Each structure stands twice: as structure tokens, then as C-alpha cells.
Amino acid sequence: MKGPPDRPLDPLPTLKLKLSVVILAAVAVTVVVFWVGIRLGMWPSLSGVIAGFIALVVVWFLSRGLTSPLREMVAATEAMARGDFSQRVTATSHDEIGTLARSFNQMAAELAETDRMRRDLVANVSHELRTPITALQAVLENIVDGVAAPDPETFATMLSQVERLGRLVQQLLDLSRLESGTLALDRRHFEIEPMLELALRESRLHAGPVSLAIEVEPGPFSLEADAERLHQVVANLVENAVRHSPRDGRVLVRAIASADGLCLEVTDEGPGIPEADATRVFERFYRADSARSSRDGGAGLGLAIARWIVELHGGEIRAERREPHGCRMVVRIPGRIELHEAPADGRAAPSSGPAQIAPVVPMSISERG
């Protein structure tokens, strides 16, 4: 890359080579000017002064190009102190200062993104907190003014808003602990089916007419992972699926044991996720359907928390469009699987040691339909 006109030394690869060129240029200019002055009949002292002055100008011009990125960094740093993260350093040189300038620009870009996320977080949290607080304030003002009677229905409305506030605060705390890396996993073997049944029992309290179902393949099995955190993942995915399902819809939670861990699927019969939103739905506060999520109380944190927990286990999570309609959330958690034989009455048998598992490879999405 060609440097600006005031940086003629940018193509040189190292700072040492640039300094050597500056010194060589100063010496060469001094000798040539002094020799020319002597040939023109000048006094040696006058010729030396002129040679020294011209050499100083040459050194100043060349060194200005060397230190220009450093001056730009100082100006950009002062701007950052004032909250302006938009300034960048011209990084056209190939020496150590050029490398420093490129690193500085990368740091500035990351700081700008962090500042944007901080401002978005404050704005989103303020909005999410204001909605239930405003509703509570309105109900309480009506009770105090005598407009509304403190009947059970009014208290139930107030309780739902308080519960919404509590869920939001808990989600923010969980997300903060996950992002900071202070959340340690408690890995131990636990039965998958009872954990799924517990998560669905809790979800049925808010599912309304949406039906919830579980499938465990190829049979009862246990997984070495953090049961409490995976319970949270399932609950968040089911809550999201219920929110986007029609009133008579069906949400299916399918757990499949494989040789390399657990494949978990949560499918619904809603409108599905647009392809452009398939990856963004796991961002904090992102809503593919903001009007629906806001109306139904979703804060846009559940899927972000699920992604962090899955990645903390070393797994992956993705959203897929389900034909002819609906959405499929696919979670893969690596871990040691123990298969158990189901007893005659159909209940899951407790774990009595590792069973010999044949590699059970989950069918592809297209094969399962």
C-alpha cells in the first residue's frame, strides 16, 4: 500500500531501517551541501551552517512521517476520553508503528462496538423495566384514588407485573454471570427425561391451549452435564416456542442420544423464523417480531442465555425453519451418555452404571420431517 505524500518511508519494513535512512540522508545532505558551498567559494563555516540547516529540514520532513501515526493516536485517545470512538489512525506503514496503528484501530472499533452495546443495553433495560413499572403504578394509583377496588383480579394483575419484573432481573443477572465467565458448571450424570418433564410441567402453567410433548430416543438415558443449566435452556426454548405458537399449536421437545452426546430439538408450529434472523435471534434483546414479543412479555434474553449456556458446555445451538411452517431449535451438547433399559411399566430406570452404547446417529432434519 502506497503511503501519503508526507510519509515517503512507509514502504520500508522496519523502524530501524527507517531511522538508518534518516541518518544516512542527513549525513549525505550535509556532505553534498558543504562540498557545493566550498566549490562555490563560500567560507567553510558558512557552508557548514547552510548544510546543517538543510539537513535539519530533511530530517524534520522524514521524521514527521515516522511520528505522524503516534500524533494521530494521541488525538484519537483524547477523543475517546470525551466519548468519541469514531476516530481512526492512518495505518499505511509496514513497520512496528504501522502494526501498532492497526492494533489501535482494531481496539478503537471494539471499544466503539462495546459502547454501542452498552447504550443499547441501557435503553432496552430501561424500556423493559418501565413497562411493568408503569402498569403497576397505574393500578396502584387507581386503588389509592378509589377508582378501582382492591379485588383479587386487580391483585392478580399486579402480581403478574411483579413476576415479569422478577424474571427480567433474574435473566439480566444470569446473562451477566454467563458473559463474565463467573458461572461454573456442575457436571454430573442425570436422567434426561425427568429433567424434560419438570421443565414442561413448569411451562404448562403459562402455555395456555398450546400442547407440549416429549420424545426421548432411543430410550431412557442419562447425560453428564449441568442439569440445572440445561433445564434453564429447555425452559427458555419452550417458552419461546409457546410464545410464537398458535392457540391450538403443539410444541415438541425431542431428546436424542448419540455417541458424542445429546441432540435436543424444540419444534413449534408458529410462523417460523426468517432466514435473515436465524442467527440474530440469539443476540441480547433481539426480536424477530418485536410487536408480538413486547405484547407477550418477552424481553429478548431467553435465547441469548440459552446460547451462552450451550456454548459453556462446548456445544452449539441453531435455529432452522421447519416445513411447511414452524421453527426448530437444535441444540447439541457433548458429553458421556449412559443408556438404560426401560422397565415394563414404562418408567425410566435409575442409572446403575454405564451401558454399552452403540453409536446412535440422529437422523437428518429432512429425514425426520
Protein backbone atom coordinates (compact mmCIF):
# COMPACT_ATOMS: atom_id res chain seq x y z
CA MET A 1 0.00 0.00 0.00
CA LYS A 2 1.35 3.39 -1.00
CA GLY A 3 1.59 5.87 1.87
CA PRO A 4 0.56 9.54 1.90
CA PRO A 5 2.96 12.09 0.28
CA ASP A 6 4.27 13.20 3.68
CA ARG A 7 5.25 9.60 4.53
CA PRO A 8 7.85 8.60 1.93
CA LEU A 9 9.36 5.94 4.21
CA ASP A 10 6.13 3.92 4.66
CA PRO A 11 7.18 1.12 2.26
CA LEU A 12 10.23 0.28 4.41
CA PRO A 13 9.56 -2.79 6.58
CA THR A 14 11.21 -1.87 9.92
CA LEU A 15 11.64 1.15 12.15
CA LYS A 16 15.41 0.52 12.41
CA LEU A 17 15.74 0.70 8.63
CA LYS A 18 13.77 3.95 8.54
CA LEU A 19 15.97 5.52 11.22
CA SER A 20 19.05 4.39 9.30
CA VAL A 21 17.72 6.03 6.14
CA VAL A 22 17.01 9.27 8.04
CA ILE A 23 20.57 9.34 9.43
CA LEU A 24 22.08 8.46 6.06
CA ALA A 25 20.02 11.17 4.34
CA ALA A 26 21.10 13.76 6.92
CA VAL A 27 24.78 12.87 6.51
CA ALA A 28 24.53 12.77 2.70
CA VAL A 29 22.77 16.15 2.53
CA THR A 30 25.34 17.72 4.88
CA VAL A 31 28.30 16.44 2.88
CA VAL A 32 26.84 17.40 -0.51
CA VAL A 33 25.76 20.90 0.54
CA PHE A 34 29.06 21.53 2.33
CA TRP A 35 31.02 20.37 -0.76
CA VAL A 36 28.88 22.50 -3.11
CA GLY A 37 29.38 25.52 -0.84
CA ILE A 38 33.15 25.07 -0.86
CA ARG A 39 33.15 24.73 -4.67
CA LEU A 40 31.18 27.97 -4.90
CA GLY A 41 33.80 29.76 -2.82
CA MET A 42 31.88 30.03 0.45
CA TRP A 43 33.60 30.17 3.79
CA PRO A 44 33.67 26.66 5.34
CA SER A 45 31.82 27.89 8.43
CA LEU A 46 29.00 29.41 6.34
CA SER A 47 28.85 26.35 4.13
CA GLY A 48 28.64 24.13 7.24
CA VAL A 49 25.79 26.21 8.73
CA ILE A 50 23.82 26.04 5.47
CA ALA A 51 24.47 22.30 5.16
CA GLY A 52 23.34 21.74 8.75
CA PHE A 53 20.14 23.75 8.24
CA ILE A 54 19.19 21.89 5.06
CA ALA A 55 19.97 18.53 6.73
CA LEU A 56 17.72 19.56 9.66
CA VAL A 57 14.86 20.29 7.24
CA VAL A 58 15.32 16.90 5.57
CA VAL A 59 15.37 15.10 8.93
CA TRP A 60 12.28 17.02 10.10
CA PHE A 61 10.37 16.07 6.93
CA LEU A 62 11.31 12.39 7.11
CA SER A 63 10.79 12.05 10.88
CA ARG A 64 7.40 13.76 10.64
CA GLY A 65 6.19 10.84 8.56
CA LEU A 66 7.58 8.45 11.19
CA THR A 67 5.82 10.08 14.13
CA SER A 68 2.58 11.03 12.34
CA PRO A 69 0.73 7.83 13.44
CA LEU A 70 1.75 8.50 17.04
CA ARG A 71 0.33 12.01 16.90
CA GLU A 72 -2.89 10.65 15.41
CA MET A 73 -3.10 8.10 18.24
CA VAL A 74 -2.76 10.89 20.81
CA ALA A 75 -5.58 12.84 19.14
CA ALA A 76 -7.79 9.72 18.90
CA THR A 77 -7.13 8.85 22.55
CA GLU A 78 -8.16 12.34 23.64
CA ALA A 79 -11.32 11.98 21.56
CA MET A 80 -12.07 8.62 23.22
CA ALA A 81 -11.73 10.27 26.62
CA ARG A 82 -14.52 12.60 25.50
CA GLY A 83 -16.67 9.66 24.38
CA ASP A 84 -15.94 9.85 20.64
CA PHE A 85 -14.82 6.43 19.34
CA SER A 86 -15.08 7.27 15.63
CA GLN A 87 -11.51 8.47 15.01
CA ARG A 88 -9.00 6.12 13.38
CA VAL A 89 -5.26 6.20 12.70
CA THR A 90 -3.82 6.13 9.18
CA ALA A 91 -2.02 2.77 9.12
CA THR A 92 -0.14 2.66 5.81
CA SER A 93 3.38 1.90 7.05
CA HIS A 94 4.72 -1.64 7.33
CA ASP A 95 6.95 -1.23 10.38
CA GLU A 96 6.31 -1.64 14.10
CA ILE A 97 4.49 1.71 14.31
CA GLY A 98 2.19 0.62 11.47
CA THR A 99 1.42 -2.61 13.34
CA LEU A 100 0.69 -0.56 16.45
CA ALA A 101 -1.60 1.73 14.45
CA ARG A 102 -3.58 -1.21 13.06
CA SER A 103 -3.92 -2.71 16.54
CA PHE A 104 -5.05 0.68 17.81
CA ASN A 105 -7.72 0.89 15.09
CA GLN A 106 -8.96 -2.61 15.98
CA MET A 107 -9.11 -1.67 19.65
CA ALA A 108 -10.99 1.54 18.81
CA ALA A 109 -13.51 -0.41 16.72
CA GLU A 110 -14.07 -2.90 19.57
CA LEU A 111 -14.48 -0.06 22.06
CA ALA A 112 -16.99 1.63 19.75
CA GLU A 113 -18.96 -1.63 19.46
CA THR A 114 -18.83 -2.12 23.23
CA ASP A 115 -20.05 1.42 23.79
CA ARG A 116 -22.89 0.87 21.29
CA MET A 117 -23.89 -2.36 23.05
CA ARG A 118 -23.77 -0.59 26.42
CA ARG A 119 -26.05 2.18 25.18
CA ASP A 120 -28.41 -0.36 23.61
CA LEU A 121 -28.42 -2.38 26.83
CA VAL A 122 -29.29 0.65 28.94
CA ALA A 123 -32.03 1.69 26.51
CA ASN A 124 -33.52 -1.81 26.27
CA VAL A 125 -33.38 -2.48 30.01
CA SER A 126 -34.94 0.91 30.72
CA HIS A 127 -37.76 0.12 28.29
CA GLU A 128 -38.34 -3.37 29.68
CA LEU A 129 -38.38 -2.12 33.29
CA ARG A 130 -40.57 0.87 32.50
CA THR A 131 -43.40 -1.22 31.03
CA PRO A 132 -44.29 -3.29 34.14
CA ILE A 133 -43.47 -0.41 36.49
CA THR A 134 -45.85 1.87 34.57
CA ALA A 135 -48.58 -0.79 34.73
CA LEU A 136 -48.05 -1.25 38.48
CA GLN A 137 -48.10 2.49 39.05
CA ALA A 138 -51.36 2.88 37.14
CA VAL A 139 -53.08 0.10 39.10
CA LEU A 140 -51.84 1.41 42.45
CA GLU A 141 -52.90 4.98 41.61
CA ASN A 142 -56.39 3.72 40.73
CA ILE A 143 -56.60 1.89 44.06
CA VAL A 144 -55.34 4.87 46.06
CA ASP A 145 -57.71 7.27 44.27
CA GLY A 146 -60.63 4.94 44.79
CA VAL A 147 -61.17 4.41 41.06
CA ALA A 148 -60.58 0.66 41.30
CA ALA A 149 -61.33 -1.71 44.14
CA PRO A 150 -58.51 -3.88 45.57
CA ASP A 151 -60.18 -7.09 44.40
CA PRO A 152 -58.43 -10.40 43.61
CA GLU A 153 -58.40 -9.63 39.88
CA THR A 154 -56.53 -6.36 40.48
CA PHE A 155 -54.02 -8.07 42.75
CA ALA A 156 -53.54 -10.81 40.15
CA THR A 157 -52.69 -8.14 37.55
CA MET A 158 -50.20 -6.56 39.92
CA LEU A 159 -48.67 -9.94 40.72
CA SER A 160 -48.16 -10.75 37.03
CA GLN A 161 -46.30 -7.46 36.54
CA VAL A 162 -44.11 -8.12 39.61
CA GLU A 163 -43.35 -11.61 38.29
CA ARG A 164 -42.41 -10.08 34.94
CA LEU A 165 -40.02 -7.72 36.71
CA GLY A 166 -38.55 -10.61 38.66
CA ARG A 167 -37.99 -12.68 35.51
CA LEU A 168 -36.28 -9.78 33.77
CA VAL A 169 -33.96 -9.09 36.72
CA GLN A 170 -33.09 -12.79 37.03
CA GLN A 171 -32.36 -13.04 33.30
CA LEU A 172 -30.11 -9.99 33.46
CA LEU A 173 -28.23 -11.47 36.42
CA ASP A 174 -27.84 -14.83 34.65
CA LEU A 175 -26.64 -13.16 31.45
CA SER A 176 -24.15 -11.02 33.37
CA ARG A 177 -22.70 -14.06 35.14
CA LEU A 178 -22.50 -16.04 31.90
CA GLU A 179 -20.78 -13.26 29.95
CA SER A 180 -18.30 -12.54 32.74
CA GLY A 181 -17.37 -16.23 32.97
CA THR A 182 -18.11 -16.44 36.70
CA LEU A 183 -20.71 -19.20 36.28
CA ALA A 184 -19.18 -22.62 36.94
CA LEU A 185 -20.85 -25.73 35.60
CA ASP A 186 -21.78 -28.55 37.96
CA ARG A 187 -21.28 -31.53 35.66
CA ARG A 188 -22.76 -34.82 36.83
CA HIS A 189 -24.87 -37.64 35.41
CA PHE A 190 -28.63 -37.06 35.44
CA GLU A 191 -31.64 -38.58 33.73
CA ILE A 192 -32.76 -36.60 30.70
CA GLU A 193 -36.46 -37.48 30.68
CA PRO A 194 -37.28 -36.37 34.27
CA MET A 195 -35.48 -33.07 33.63
CA LEU A 196 -37.52 -32.51 30.46
CA GLU A 197 -40.77 -33.42 32.23
CA LEU A 198 -40.03 -30.93 35.01
CA ALA A 199 -39.29 -28.16 32.50
CA LEU A 200 -42.53 -28.86 30.62
CA ARG A 201 -44.60 -29.02 33.82
CA GLU A 202 -43.41 -25.52 34.63
CA SER A 203 -44.03 -24.33 31.08
CA ARG A 204 -47.60 -25.70 31.05
CA LEU A 205 -48.52 -23.12 33.70
CA HIS A 206 -48.11 -20.40 31.04
CA ALA A 207 -48.70 -22.40 27.85
CA GLY A 208 -52.50 -21.97 27.78
CA PRO A 209 -54.08 -24.05 25.00
CA VAL A 210 -50.73 -24.92 23.41
CA SER A 211 -49.95 -28.62 23.89
CA LEU A 212 -46.48 -29.75 24.99
CA ALA A 213 -44.96 -33.20 24.32
CA ILE A 214 -41.68 -35.06 24.92
CA GLU A 215 -39.90 -37.73 22.89
CA VAL A 216 -36.74 -39.49 24.11
CA GLU A 217 -34.80 -41.63 21.62
CA PRO A 218 -33.75 -44.41 21.55
CA GLY A 219 -34.91 -44.84 25.16
CA PRO A 220 -34.18 -43.66 28.71
CA PHE A 221 -30.64 -42.30 29.08
CA SER A 222 -28.55 -40.04 31.25
CA LEU A 223 -26.05 -37.33 30.34
CA GLU A 224 -23.01 -35.91 32.08
CA ALA A 225 -23.71 -32.16 32.17
CA ASP A 226 -25.10 -29.39 34.39
CA ALA A 227 -28.73 -30.44 34.90
CA GLU A 228 -29.89 -27.11 36.33
CA ARG A 229 -28.47 -25.09 33.44
CA LEU A 230 -29.79 -27.46 30.76
CA HIS A 231 -33.18 -27.24 32.48
CA GLN A 232 -32.90 -23.48 32.01
CA VAL A 233 -32.07 -23.94 28.31
CA VAL A 234 -35.10 -26.19 27.76
CA ALA A 235 -37.40 -23.85 29.69
CA ASN A 236 -36.24 -20.83 27.67
CA LEU A 237 -36.61 -22.64 24.34
CA VAL A 238 -40.06 -23.97 25.22
CA GLU A 239 -41.18 -20.53 26.45
CA ASN A 240 -40.04 -19.03 23.15
CA ALA A 241 -41.79 -21.77 21.16
CA VAL A 242 -45.05 -21.33 23.10
CA ARG A 243 -44.96 -17.56 22.62
CA HIS A 244 -44.82 -17.96 18.83
CA SER A 245 -47.25 -20.88 18.54
CA PRO A 246 -50.91 -20.58 17.51
CA ARG A 247 -53.53 -21.17 20.20
CA ASP A 248 -54.09 -24.78 19.14
CA GLY A 249 -50.44 -25.40 18.33
CA ARG A 250 -48.14 -28.16 19.53
CA VAL A 251 -44.61 -27.83 20.88
CA LEU A 252 -42.47 -30.97 20.76
CA VAL A 253 -39.27 -31.46 22.77
CA ARG A 254 -37.17 -34.33 21.39
CA ALA A 255 -34.00 -35.64 23.07
CA ILE A 256 -31.79 -37.97 21.02
CA ALA A 257 -28.80 -39.86 22.43
CA SER A 258 -25.79 -40.22 20.18
CA ALA A 259 -22.25 -41.49 20.60
CA ASP A 260 -20.90 -37.97 21.05
CA GLY A 261 -23.59 -36.52 23.34
CA LEU A 262 -27.11 -35.13 23.33
CA CYS A 263 -29.10 -33.72 20.42
CA LEU A 264 -32.05 -31.70 21.68
CA GLU A 265 -34.79 -30.33 19.42
CA VAL A 266 -37.65 -27.99 20.25
CA THR A 267 -40.15 -27.57 17.41
CA ASP A 268 -43.26 -25.42 17.17
CA GLU A 269 -45.99 -24.69 14.62
CA GLY A 270 -45.64 -20.92 14.54
CA PRO A 271 -44.82 -18.67 11.58
CA GLY A 272 -41.16 -19.68 11.66
CA ILE A 273 -38.02 -17.56 11.65
CA PRO A 274 -36.95 -15.64 8.52
CA GLU A 275 -33.62 -16.83 7.18
CA ALA A 276 -32.05 -13.41 7.81
CA ASP A 277 -32.95 -13.66 11.53
CA ALA A 278 -31.79 -17.26 12.08
CA THR A 279 -28.52 -16.21 13.72
CA ARG A 280 -29.60 -12.87 15.18
CA VAL A 281 -32.35 -14.37 17.38
CA PHE A 282 -29.62 -15.38 19.86
CA GLU A 283 -28.48 -11.77 20.36
CA ARG A 284 -29.46 -9.92 23.52
CA PHE A 285 -32.78 -8.08 23.23
CA TYR A 286 -33.18 -9.01 19.57
CA ARG A 287 -36.74 -9.72 18.49
CA ALA A 288 -37.69 -11.10 15.10
CA ASP A 289 -41.27 -9.98 15.85
CA SER A 290 -40.95 -7.04 18.22
CA ALA A 291 -44.67 -6.33 18.41
CA ARG A 292 -45.57 -9.89 19.41
CA SER A 293 -42.69 -10.26 21.89
CA SER A 294 -43.41 -6.97 23.56
CA ARG A 295 -47.08 -7.77 23.88
CA ASP A 296 -46.46 -11.23 25.31
CA GLY A 297 -43.79 -10.10 27.76
CA GLY A 298 -40.65 -11.43 26.08
CA ALA A 299 -37.55 -9.38 26.85
CA GLY A 300 -35.36 -10.92 24.15
CA LEU A 301 -32.98 -12.50 26.69
CA GLY A 302 -34.09 -16.13 26.88
CA LEU A 303 -32.41 -17.30 23.68
CA ALA A 304 -29.25 -15.31 24.45
CA ILE A 305 -28.99 -17.06 27.84
CA ALA A 306 -29.62 -20.45 26.19
CA ARG A 307 -26.81 -19.81 23.69
CA TRP A 308 -24.35 -18.87 26.45
CA ILE A 309 -25.18 -21.98 28.50
CA VAL A 310 -24.87 -24.27 25.46
CA GLU A 311 -21.53 -22.75 24.46
CA LEU A 312 -20.35 -23.03 28.06
CA HIS A 313 -20.93 -26.79 27.71
CA GLY A 314 -18.89 -26.77 24.50
CA GLY A 315 -21.98 -27.31 22.36
CA GLU A 316 -23.81 -25.43 19.65
CA ILE A 317 -27.33 -24.10 19.08
CA ARG A 318 -29.05 -23.03 15.89
CA ALA A 319 -32.48 -22.07 14.61
CA GLU A 320 -33.98 -23.65 11.50
CA ARG A 321 -37.12 -23.07 9.53
CA ARG A 322 -39.47 -26.06 9.69
CA GLU A 323 -41.55 -27.01 6.67
CA PRO A 324 -44.33 -26.40 5.94
CA HIS A 325 -44.35 -23.91 8.83
CA GLY A 326 -42.83 -23.51 12.25
CA CYS A 327 -39.39 -23.31 13.79
CA ARG A 328 -36.94 -25.93 15.00
CA MET A 329 -34.30 -25.10 17.63
CA VAL A 330 -31.45 -27.63 17.54
CA VAL A 331 -29.05 -27.97 20.48
CA ARG A 332 -26.04 -30.29 20.58
CA ILE A 333 -24.34 -30.91 23.92
CA PRO A 334 -21.20 -33.08 24.01
CA GLY A 335 -20.96 -35.44 26.96
CA ARG A 336 -20.89 -39.03 28.15
CA ILE A 337 -24.20 -40.83 27.56
CA GLU A 338 -25.47 -43.82 29.55
CA LEU A 339 -28.37 -45.77 28.05
CA HIS A 340 -30.82 -47.61 30.33
CA GLU A 341 -33.44 -50.21 29.66
CA ALA A 342 -36.98 -49.06 30.23
CA PRO A 343 -38.86 -51.17 32.84
CA ALA A 344 -42.06 -52.98 31.97
CA ASP A 345 -44.27 -50.23 33.43
CA GLY A 346 -42.61 -47.68 31.08
CA ARG A 347 -40.90 -45.61 33.76
CA ALA A 348 -37.25 -44.63 33.36
CA ALA A 349 -34.88 -46.87 35.27
CA PRO A 350 -32.32 -45.26 37.53
CA SER A 351 -28.73 -45.18 36.42
CA SER A 352 -26.81 -48.27 37.59
CA GLY A 353 -23.59 -47.69 35.72
CA PRO A 354 -22.55 -47.10 32.16
CA ALA A 355 -24.24 -49.13 29.49
CA GLN A 356 -22.57 -50.15 26.26
CA ILE A 357 -23.86 -47.67 23.73
CA ALA A 358 -23.85 -48.31 20.03
CA PRO A 359 -23.33 -45.17 18.02
CA VAL A 360 -26.84 -43.77 17.61
CA VAL A 361 -26.63 -41.15 14.91
CA PRO A 362 -29.65 -38.77 14.83
CA MET A 363 -31.49 -38.66 11.54
CA SER A 364 -31.05 -35.61 9.40
CA ILE A 365 -33.58 -32.82 9.64
CA SER A 366 -35.06 -33.73 6.28
CA GLU A 367 -35.45 -37.37 7.27
CA ARG A 368 -37.30 -36.52 10.46
CA GLY A 369 -39.66 -34.10 8.69
